[in-house]
C-alpha atoms as a PDB file:
ATOM      1  CA  UNK A   1    -120.488  68.507 -15.007  1.00  0.00           C
ATOM      2  CA  UNK A   2    -119.149  71.112 -12.594  1.00  0.00           C
ATOM      3  CA  UNK A   3    -118.387  70.243  -8.995  1.00  0.00           C
ATOM      4  CA  UNK A   4    -120.702  71.805  -6.444  1.00  0.00           C
ATOM      5  CA  UNK A   5    -118.174  73.807  -4.446  1.00  0.00           C
ATOM      6  CA  UNK A   6    -118.929  75.713  -1.280  1.00  0.00           C
ATOM      7  CA  UNK A   7    -119.062  78.960  -3.268  1.00  0.00           C
ATOM      8  CA  UNK A   8    -121.454  77.524  -5.844  1.00  0.00           C
ATOM      9  CA  UNK A   9    -123.601  76.000  -3.075  1.00  0.00           C
ATOM     10  CA  UNK A  10    -123.932  79.432  -1.461  1.00  0.00           C
ATOM     11  CA  UNK A  11    -124.857  80.947  -4.826  1.00  0.00           C
ATOM     12  CA  UNK A  12    -127.492  78.255  -5.388  1.00  0.00           C
ATOM     13  CA  UNK A  13    -128.920  78.706  -1.894  1.00  0.00           C
ATOM     14  CA  UNK A  14    -129.248  82.424  -2.560  1.00  0.00           C
ATOM     15  CA  UNK A  15    -130.755  82.071  -6.019  1.00  0.00           C
ATOM     16  CA  UNK A  16    -131.123  78.909  -8.156  1.00  0.00           C
ATOM     17  CA  UNK A  17    -131.003  81.023 -11.315  1.00  0.00           C
ATOM     18  CA  UNK A  18    -127.529  82.299 -10.380  1.00  0.00           C
ATOM     19  CA  UNK A  19    -126.357  78.710  -9.989  1.00  0.00           C
ATOM     20  CA  UNK A  20    -127.676  77.921 -13.467  1.00  0.00           C
ATOM     21  CA  UNK A  21    -125.882  80.944 -14.907  1.00  0.00           C
ATOM     22  CA  UNK A  22    -122.568  79.987 -13.276  1.00  0.00           C
ATOM     23  CA  UNK A  23    -122.937  76.464 -14.657  1.00  0.00           C
ATOM     24  CA  UNK A  24    -123.503  77.798 -18.195  1.00  0.00           C
ATOM     25  CA  UNK A  25    -120.830  80.494 -18.155  1.00  0.00           C
ATOM     26  CA  UNK A  26    -120.236  80.059 -21.901  1.00  0.00           C
ATOM     27  CA  UNK A  27    -123.806  81.240 -22.551  1.00  0.00           C
ATOM     28  CA  UNK A  28    -123.711  84.061 -20.003  1.00  0.00           C
ATOM     29  CA  UNK A  29    -120.331  85.827 -20.152  1.00  0.00           C
ATOM     30  CA  UNK A  30    -119.192  87.568 -16.982  1.00  0.00           C
ATOM     31  CA  UNK A  31    -118.033  91.167 -16.813  1.00  0.00           C
ATOM     32  CA  UNK A  32    -116.107  90.520 -13.579  1.00  0.00           C
ATOM     33  CA  UNK A  33    -112.840  89.800 -15.418  1.00  0.00           C
ATOM     34  CA  UNK A  34    -112.697  93.457 -16.503  1.00  0.00           C
ATOM     35  CA  UNK A  35    -113.338  94.839 -13.001  1.00  0.00           C
ATOM     36  CA  UNK A  36    -110.087  96.242 -11.585  1.00  0.00           C
ATOM     37  CA  UNK A  37    -111.526  96.403  -8.056  1.00  0.00           C
ATOM     38  CA  UNK A  38    -112.282  92.664  -8.057  1.00  0.00           C
ATOM     39  CA  UNK A  39    -108.805  91.963  -9.454  1.00  0.00           C
ATOM     40  CA  UNK A  40    -107.299  93.962  -6.581  1.00  0.00           C
ATOM     41  CA  UNK A  41    -109.335  91.956  -4.058  1.00  0.00           C
ATOM     42  CA  UNK A  42    -108.090  88.705  -5.578  1.00  0.00           C
ATOM     43  CA  UNK A  43    -104.512  89.954  -5.439  1.00  0.00           C
ATOM     44  CA  UNK A  44    -105.042  90.833  -1.777  1.00  0.00           C
ATOM     45  CA  UNK A  45    -106.063  87.235  -1.130  1.00  0.00           C
ATOM     46  CA  UNK A  46    -102.797  86.007  -2.611  1.00  0.00           C
ATOM     47  CA  UNK A  47    -100.902  88.490  -0.439  1.00  0.00           C
ATOM     48  CA  UNK A  48    -102.618  87.149   2.698  1.00  0.00           C
ATOM     49  CA  UNK A  49    -101.657  83.609   1.687  1.00  0.00           C
ATOM     50  CA  UNK A  50     -98.009  84.597   1.258  1.00  0.00           C
ATOM     51  CA  UNK A  51     -98.001  86.449   4.583  1.00  0.00           C
ATOM     52  CA  UNK A  52     -99.402  83.349   6.307  1.00  0.00           C
ATOM     53  CA  UNK A  53     -96.724  81.182   4.657  1.00  0.00           C
ATOM     54  CA  UNK A  54     -94.016  83.518   5.919  1.00  0.00           C
ATOM     55  CA  UNK A  55     -95.371  83.544   9.473  1.00  0.00           C
ATOM     56  CA  UNK A  56     -95.982  79.770   9.635  1.00  0.00           C
ATOM     57  CA  UNK A  57     -93.213  78.176   7.510  1.00  0.00           C
ATOM     58  CA  UNK A  58     -93.704  74.542   8.624  1.00  0.00           C
ATOM     59  CA  UNK A  59     -97.449  74.348   8.019  1.00  0.00           C
ATOM     60  CA  UNK A  60     -98.788  72.021   5.321  1.00  0.00           C
ATOM     61  CA  UNK A  61    -100.826  73.765   2.601  1.00  0.00           C
ATOM     62  CA  UNK A  62    -104.091  72.072   1.636  1.00  0.00           C
ATOM     63  CA  UNK A  63    -104.590  72.865  -2.068  1.00  0.00           C
ATOM     64  CA  UNK A  64    -107.727  70.853  -2.811  1.00  0.00           C
ATOM     65  CA  UNK A  65    -109.478  69.179   0.113  1.00  0.00           C
ATOM     66  CA  UNK A  66    -112.001  67.539  -2.269  1.00  0.00           C
ATOM     67  CA  UNK A  67    -110.145  65.627  -5.001  1.00  0.00           C
END
């Protein structure tokens, strides 16, 4: 059973069918992995994280607030 994350909650609030599809990703393959634009956006997120770490070196990183 998948955890209901904030992202998945937002998807389910928008459309319950989308939530079902994300839960059964093996039955409904995504084409997002092949999208270079989405990969660039993800890389940009990692760059923002590294920039924040450089500007605030003593701050504690919260990896998973919901264990």
